[in-house]
Amino acid sequence: MLHDDPEFVREMISFWECFIADLLTRAFEYFIPDYVHISEDMAYKSFSMVSPAMTRGFLLPTWSRWGEFVRNAGVPST
């Protein structure tokens, strides 16, 4: 799908980005955790399923936005 229909993938990522950002915003209204760990299953056993360029192009903007939410909420950095 990253090659065949990248706009559809971007739409799905955008939904997930907004959904998680909303959850973080709501949670941070009630408490600030000691840390936040966000992981993606982007590899299987011994190799990545997407290239570094695809990761930067498709996922890094979303991870960066979530990182901003976490930092702005006052979660301590490690």
Protein backbone atom coordinates (compact mmCIF):
# COMPACT_ATOMS: atom_id res chain seq x y z
CA MET A 1 0.00 0.00 0.00
CA LEU A 2 2.91 2.36 0.62
CA HIS A 3 3.73 2.09 -3.08
CA ASP A 4 0.30 1.39 -4.57
CA ASP A 5 -1.83 3.87 -2.64
CA PRO A 6 0.32 6.16 -0.47
CA GLU A 7 -2.48 8.69 0.01
CA PHE A 8 -4.70 6.04 1.57
CA VAL A 9 -1.84 5.09 3.90
CA ARG A 10 -1.39 8.75 4.82
CA GLU A 11 -5.12 8.99 5.56
CA MET A 12 -4.91 5.97 7.89
CA ILE A 13 -1.82 7.36 9.61
CA SER A 14 -3.52 10.74 10.00
CA PHE A 15 -6.50 9.12 11.70
CA TRP A 16 -4.24 7.16 14.06
CA GLU A 17 -2.15 10.28 14.77
CA CYS A 18 -5.21 12.32 15.73
CA PHE A 19 -6.74 9.46 17.73
CA ILE A 20 -3.61 8.92 19.85
CA ALA A 21 -3.04 12.68 20.25
CA ASP A 22 -6.60 13.01 21.54
CA LEU A 23 -6.11 10.13 23.97
CA LEU A 24 -2.85 11.66 25.23
CA THR A 25 -4.48 15.06 25.65
CA ARG A 26 -7.36 13.57 27.65
CA ALA A 27 -5.09 11.43 29.81
CA PHE A 28 -2.77 14.35 30.59
CA GLU A 29 -5.73 16.32 31.94
CA TYR A 30 -5.83 13.84 34.84
CA PHE A 31 -2.22 12.82 35.40
CA ILE A 32 1.30 13.19 34.06
CA PRO A 33 3.08 9.85 33.80
CA ASP A 34 6.73 9.30 34.64
CA TYR A 35 7.34 8.27 31.04
CA VAL A 36 5.55 7.40 27.81
CA HIS A 37 6.65 4.53 25.59
CA ILE A 38 5.27 4.33 22.08
CA SER A 39 6.39 1.47 19.86
CA GLU A 40 5.54 0.23 16.40
CA ASP A 41 5.86 -3.25 15.01
CA MET A 42 7.98 -2.20 12.06
CA ALA A 43 10.25 -5.23 11.91
CA TYR A 44 9.87 -8.98 11.82
CA LYS A 45 12.56 -11.13 13.40
CA SER A 46 15.61 -9.92 11.49
CA PHE A 47 14.64 -7.17 9.08
CA SER A 48 12.55 -4.03 8.78
CA MET A 49 9.32 -4.16 6.80
CA VAL A 50 9.73 -0.59 5.49
CA SER A 51 12.73 1.40 4.38
CA PRO A 52 14.27 4.17 6.49
CA ALA A 53 13.05 6.69 3.89
CA MET A 54 9.48 5.40 4.19
CA THR A 55 9.71 5.56 7.97
CA ARG A 56 10.89 9.17 7.81
CA GLY A 57 8.29 10.11 5.21
CA PHE A 58 5.25 8.34 6.61
CA LEU A 59 5.80 7.88 10.34
CA LEU A 60 8.33 10.40 11.66
CA PRO A 61 5.91 13.37 11.44
CA THR A 62 3.38 11.47 13.56
CA TRP A 63 5.99 10.34 16.10
CA SER A 64 7.24 13.92 16.30
CA ARG A 65 3.74 15.25 17.00
CA TRP A 66 3.19 12.70 19.75
CA GLY A 67 6.57 13.63 21.21
CA GLU A 68 5.50 17.28 21.31
CA PHE A 69 2.34 16.35 23.23
CA VAL A 70 4.35 14.35 25.72
CA ARG A 71 6.99 17.06 26.24
CA ASN A 72 4.41 19.87 26.45
CA ALA A 73 2.49 17.91 29.08
CA GLY A 74 5.56 17.91 31.32
CA VAL A 75 6.49 14.25 31.12
CA PRO A 76 10.09 14.05 32.35
CA SER A 77 12.65 13.32 29.65
CA THR A 78 15.04 10.46 30.18
